[in-house]
Each structure stands twice: as C-alpha cells, then as structure tokens.
Amino acid sequence: MSKFYKTLLLLITSVLGVVSYFLIISIIFTTGEGIFTQHNPKLTMLSILLLIIIVVSYCVLIIRLSKKEENVKFIFVMMGLYFFFLFGTPYFQEYQLKISNYLKTPSIEAQQSIINSVGMNLKSNEVPYIIDSELSIERTREEVIRNVLIIKKVVEGKIKRSEVDTILNLVPNMELKLVFYSKIKNDFVSITIDEKKNIINCGPVDYCMRNE
C-alpha cells in the first residue's frame, strides 16, 4: 500500500470519526424525552442511515485490508484514530470554545459599563483622573482579549504610585489593562491585572520598581 493511500485513509478515518460523533449526537437529541430533545423523525432516520453506512463501509474496508498481513498494524492505527476522533471531538469543541471566547473582543456595551462604573468611582472618591472613553474602546479593539482603560490625570504632576494603588482598588475584579497618562502626556504607566487584581504586567520598568 502506497504512502499516499495510507495518508488518504487516515484523513478519511479522522473525518469519519468526527462525523460519527455528530450523527450520534443528532440521534440522541432527536429521540428520547430529555428537556433538550427536539423530535424530528426524518433527521433521526437520516442520521441512523448515515451512521450505518459509515460503520458498514468501514468494516468492509477493514476486512479487505486484513487480507494482507502487512496491513494489520495499519488497521489498528486506523481504528485507534477513528475512536480517538469519535470520543475526542467533544473535548476539541470545548477547547475551541475556550479559545474563541478568549480571542473574542468585549462588546461595546460591556466596555461602556466598565468605563461608566470606574468613572463614577473616580469622581465619587475625588481621584484626579478621568477615563478617555473613545480611546479606551479603540485600544480594547486593538488588544482583542481584554478590556483596556485609558486613564488621564486632570492636574499637573507625575503619576504617583499612591494614585495608581487607589485606582486599582476602584476597578472591578476582572482582567484589565490600565494605561495611565499625565495631564500633558509626558508620563505614562501601563498595568495589566488578572481577575484577582494581581499585577501580571507593568511598565515602564523603572516606575514599577519604585516604592513611591
């Protein structure tokens, strides 16, 4: 058996494993009495028919291949690959969803809610900073994976560590990137926190190493 033929069979086996999983799920969710069940006899019969065709065809292929002793190891590889994708597909879906959610940019509504909440906290606590809403939304779109807040100082002077600490106490417990600017923008600090407000990134380094 040529390498090309073996590669093609392995590729087909992988696809059939995935397809078989979805056919089984289709049968489960179109029969029975579960709360998610949507009875659809036509879809059920079609899924069963396709699943039978796949299983029978695969069995015929294995029987034909098994006639040559040199193909025995390859048959086990094919069967292993089939069951790997059959049972592994739900886990692949879960990881795909996690990656998709991780890479999904926060909605404008969610961003605006955070901006308004933190902005009100800054004002009520008389912290001399404001949030640049438009730039925050723009930077969040560029960052993709987390909300970004652009926080500008409204009085002269450098960004103080005590001010940053105060603002960190006023933001929600979530993964955020906070970028602080002095009034004339000659000074800036960028801090990224996780959902427990642990600092996971800070810059510039000389500022982050200072105690005050």
Protein backbone atom coordinates (compact mmCIF):
# COMPACT_ATOMS: atom_id res chain seq x y z
CA MET A 1 0.00 0.00 0.00
CA SER A 2 1.44 3.36 -1.02
CA LYS A 3 2.10 6.20 1.47
CA PHE A 4 -0.38 8.39 -0.36
CA TYR A 5 -3.14 5.79 0.01
CA LYS A 6 -2.34 5.32 3.70
CA THR A 7 -2.39 9.08 4.29
CA LEU A 8 -5.70 9.39 2.47
CA LEU A 9 -7.24 6.57 4.53
CA LEU A 10 -6.04 8.16 7.78
CA LEU A 11 -7.52 11.51 6.73
CA ILE A 12 -10.83 9.87 5.81
CA THR A 13 -10.80 7.96 9.11
CA SER A 14 -10.36 11.20 11.07
CA VAL A 15 -13.27 12.84 9.23
CA LEU A 16 -15.49 9.78 9.71
CA GLY A 17 -14.75 9.79 13.44
CA VAL A 18 -15.90 13.41 13.74
CA VAL A 19 -18.94 12.85 11.51
CA SER A 20 -19.93 9.75 13.51
CA TYR A 21 -19.85 11.76 16.72
CA PHE A 22 -22.22 14.40 15.33
CA LEU A 23 -24.52 11.74 13.92
CA ILE A 24 -24.74 10.06 17.32
CA ILE A 25 -25.44 13.42 18.97
CA SER A 26 -28.12 14.09 16.36
CA ILE A 27 -29.78 10.75 17.14
CA ILE A 28 -29.66 11.39 20.89
CA PHE A 29 -31.17 14.88 20.63
CA THR A 30 -33.94 13.88 18.23
CA THR A 31 -35.14 10.91 20.27
CA GLY A 32 -35.94 10.33 23.91
CA GLU A 33 -37.68 12.60 26.40
CA GLY A 34 -34.91 14.96 27.55
CA ILE A 35 -35.55 18.68 28.07
CA PHE A 36 -33.33 19.45 25.08
CA THR A 37 -34.92 16.86 22.83
CA GLN A 38 -36.38 18.12 19.55
CA HIS A 39 -38.28 15.26 17.91
CA ASN A 40 -37.52 15.06 14.22
CA PRO A 41 -38.16 11.56 12.79
CA LYS A 42 -36.73 12.41 9.36
CA LEU A 43 -33.48 13.71 10.81
CA THR A 44 -33.29 10.75 13.18
CA MET A 45 -33.69 8.23 10.37
CA LEU A 46 -31.23 10.06 8.14
CA SER A 47 -28.65 10.15 10.95
CA ILE A 48 -29.11 6.45 11.69
CA LEU A 49 -28.85 5.57 7.99
CA LEU A 50 -25.65 7.58 7.51
CA LEU A 51 -24.13 6.12 10.67
CA ILE A 52 -24.92 2.58 9.47
CA ILE A 53 -23.39 3.34 6.06
CA ILE A 54 -20.23 4.66 7.70
CA VAL A 55 -19.87 1.68 10.07
CA VAL A 56 -20.62 -0.94 7.40
CA SER A 57 -18.32 0.70 4.84
CA TYR A 58 -15.56 0.96 7.40
CA CYS A 59 -15.96 -2.69 8.38
CA VAL A 60 -15.82 -3.76 4.73
CA LEU A 61 -12.66 -1.69 4.24
CA ILE A 62 -11.01 -3.25 7.30
CA ILE A 63 -11.92 -6.76 6.15
CA ARG A 64 -10.40 -6.10 2.74
CA LEU A 65 -7.25 -4.63 4.23
CA SER A 66 -6.89 -7.50 6.73
CA LYS A 67 -6.43 -9.99 3.88
CA LYS A 68 -2.82 -8.83 3.74
CA GLU A 69 -0.86 -9.48 6.93
CA GLU A 70 1.30 -6.41 6.34
CA ASN A 71 -1.77 -4.20 6.85
CA VAL A 72 -2.64 -5.47 10.36
CA LYS A 73 -0.70 -2.77 12.20
CA PHE A 74 -2.12 -0.10 9.91
CA ILE A 75 -5.66 -1.35 10.62
CA PHE A 76 -5.08 -0.89 14.37
CA VAL A 77 -3.79 2.63 13.71
CA MET A 78 -6.90 3.41 11.66
CA MET A 79 -9.25 2.05 14.31
CA GLY A 80 -7.40 3.92 17.05
CA LEU A 81 -7.60 7.14 15.06
CA TYR A 82 -11.32 6.64 14.41
CA PHE A 83 -12.16 6.18 18.09
CA PHE A 84 -9.79 8.98 19.05
CA PHE A 85 -11.78 11.47 16.96
CA LEU A 86 -15.10 9.85 17.87
CA PHE A 87 -14.57 10.35 21.60
CA GLY A 88 -12.20 13.31 21.38
CA THR A 89 -14.41 15.64 19.33
CA PRO A 90 -16.40 16.98 22.34
CA TYR A 91 -13.13 17.93 24.05
CA PHE A 92 -11.90 19.64 20.87
CA GLN A 93 -15.18 21.58 20.81
CA GLU A 94 -14.69 22.66 24.42
CA TYR A 95 -11.16 23.93 23.76
CA GLN A 96 -12.29 25.63 20.56
CA LEU A 97 -14.99 27.44 22.54
CA LYS A 98 -12.49 28.49 25.19
CA ILE A 99 -10.09 29.82 22.55
CA SER A 100 -12.94 31.56 20.75
CA ASN A 101 -14.08 33.23 23.97
CA TYR A 102 -10.50 34.16 24.83
CA LEU A 103 -9.99 35.84 21.49
CA LYS A 104 -13.41 37.49 21.44
CA THR A 105 -13.27 41.28 21.85
CA PRO A 106 -15.51 42.52 24.71
CA SER A 107 -18.73 44.09 23.46
CA ILE A 108 -19.16 47.85 23.31
CA GLU A 109 -21.93 47.56 25.93
CA ALA A 110 -19.65 45.68 28.33
CA GLN A 111 -16.83 48.17 27.77
CA GLN A 112 -19.12 51.15 28.32
CA SER A 113 -20.48 49.61 31.52
CA ILE A 114 -16.95 49.24 32.93
CA ILE A 115 -15.99 52.75 31.81
CA ASN A 116 -19.07 54.28 33.46
CA SER A 117 -18.62 52.29 36.67
CA VAL A 118 -14.94 53.13 37.11
CA GLY A 119 -15.54 56.73 36.02
CA MET A 120 -18.16 57.19 38.74
CA ASN A 121 -15.82 55.63 41.32
CA LEU A 122 -13.06 58.05 40.34
CA LYS A 123 -15.41 61.01 40.68
CA SER A 124 -17.01 59.94 43.98
CA ASN A 125 -13.59 59.29 45.52
CA GLU A 126 -12.23 62.62 44.19
CA VAL A 127 -9.36 60.95 42.38
CA PRO A 128 -7.81 63.48 39.93
CA TYR A 129 -8.21 61.22 36.90
CA ILE A 130 -10.79 60.72 34.16
CA ILE A 131 -11.33 57.94 31.63
CA ASP A 132 -10.97 58.60 27.91
CA SER A 133 -13.95 56.55 26.69
CA GLU A 134 -13.28 56.70 22.95
CA LEU A 135 -9.60 55.85 23.26
CA SER A 136 -10.38 53.06 25.76
CA ILE A 137 -12.79 51.43 23.32
CA GLU A 138 -10.30 51.83 20.46
CA ARG A 139 -7.46 50.28 22.48
CA THR A 140 -9.73 47.42 23.61
CA ARG A 141 -10.44 46.65 19.95
CA GLU A 142 -6.70 46.54 19.29
CA GLU A 143 -5.98 44.48 22.43
CA VAL A 144 -8.75 41.98 21.49
CA ILE A 145 -8.53 39.70 24.52
CA ARG A 146 -9.22 42.13 27.39
CA ASN A 147 -10.74 45.48 28.30
CA VAL A 148 -8.42 48.47 28.24
CA LEU A 149 -8.99 51.65 30.26
CA ILE A 150 -7.15 54.83 29.27
CA ILE A 151 -6.99 56.93 32.44
CA LYS A 152 -5.80 60.54 32.22
CA LYS A 153 -4.67 62.78 35.04
CA VAL A 154 -6.52 66.12 35.15
CA VAL A 155 -3.99 68.02 37.27
CA GLU A 156 -0.30 68.80 36.73
CA GLY A 157 2.32 66.42 38.03
CA LYS A 158 3.65 62.92 37.58
CA ILE A 159 1.68 59.75 38.11
CA LYS A 160 2.05 58.73 41.75
CA ARG A 161 2.16 55.16 42.99
CA SER A 162 -0.41 56.01 45.66
CA GLU A 163 -2.81 57.25 42.95
CA VAL A 164 -2.38 54.09 40.92
CA ASP A 165 -2.98 51.93 44.01
CA THR A 166 -6.15 53.89 44.79
CA ILE A 167 -7.48 53.41 41.27
CA LEU A 168 -6.63 49.70 41.33
CA ASN A 169 -8.89 49.40 44.37
CA LEU A 170 -11.72 51.09 42.43
CA VAL A 171 -11.73 48.85 39.34
CA PRO A 172 -13.75 45.60 39.19
CA ASN A 173 -12.25 42.16 39.78
CA MET A 174 -11.56 41.21 36.18
CA GLU A 175 -8.71 41.04 33.70
CA LEU A 176 -7.96 44.63 32.71
CA LYS A 177 -5.22 46.69 31.14
CA LEU A 178 -4.94 50.15 32.69
CA VAL A 179 -2.93 52.82 30.91
CA PHE A 180 -2.32 55.99 32.93
CA TYR A 181 -1.29 59.30 31.34
CA SER A 182 -0.19 62.54 32.98
CA LYS A 183 -2.05 65.71 32.00
CA ILE A 184 0.47 66.72 29.32
CA LYS A 185 1.15 63.08 28.41
CA ASN A 186 4.85 63.24 29.18
CA ASP A 187 4.47 60.42 31.67
CA PHE A 188 2.61 57.12 31.40
CA VAL A 189 2.20 53.83 33.22
CA SER A 190 0.73 50.60 31.83
CA ILE A 191 -0.51 47.92 34.21
CA THR A 192 -2.30 44.65 33.41
CA ILE A 193 -4.19 42.86 36.18
CA ASP A 194 -5.91 39.48 36.37
CA GLU A 195 -9.38 38.72 37.74
CA LYS A 196 -7.98 38.79 41.30
CA LYS A 197 -6.27 42.15 40.72
CA ASN A 198 -2.82 40.60 40.74
CA ILE A 199 -0.45 42.63 38.56
CA ILE A 200 0.70 40.41 35.70
CA ASN A 201 2.41 43.10 33.64
CA CYS A 202 3.74 46.56 34.42
CA GLY A 203 5.70 49.20 32.54
CA PRO A 204 7.87 51.19 32.32
CA VAL A 205 10.14 49.00 34.42
CA ASP A 206 11.77 51.92 36.31
CA TYR A 207 8.34 53.10 37.51
CA CYS A 208 7.24 49.61 38.52
CA MET A 209 10.39 49.13 40.58
CA ARG A 210 9.82 52.33 42.55
CA ASN A 211 8.29 52.15 46.03
CA GLU A 212 6.58 55.54 45.85
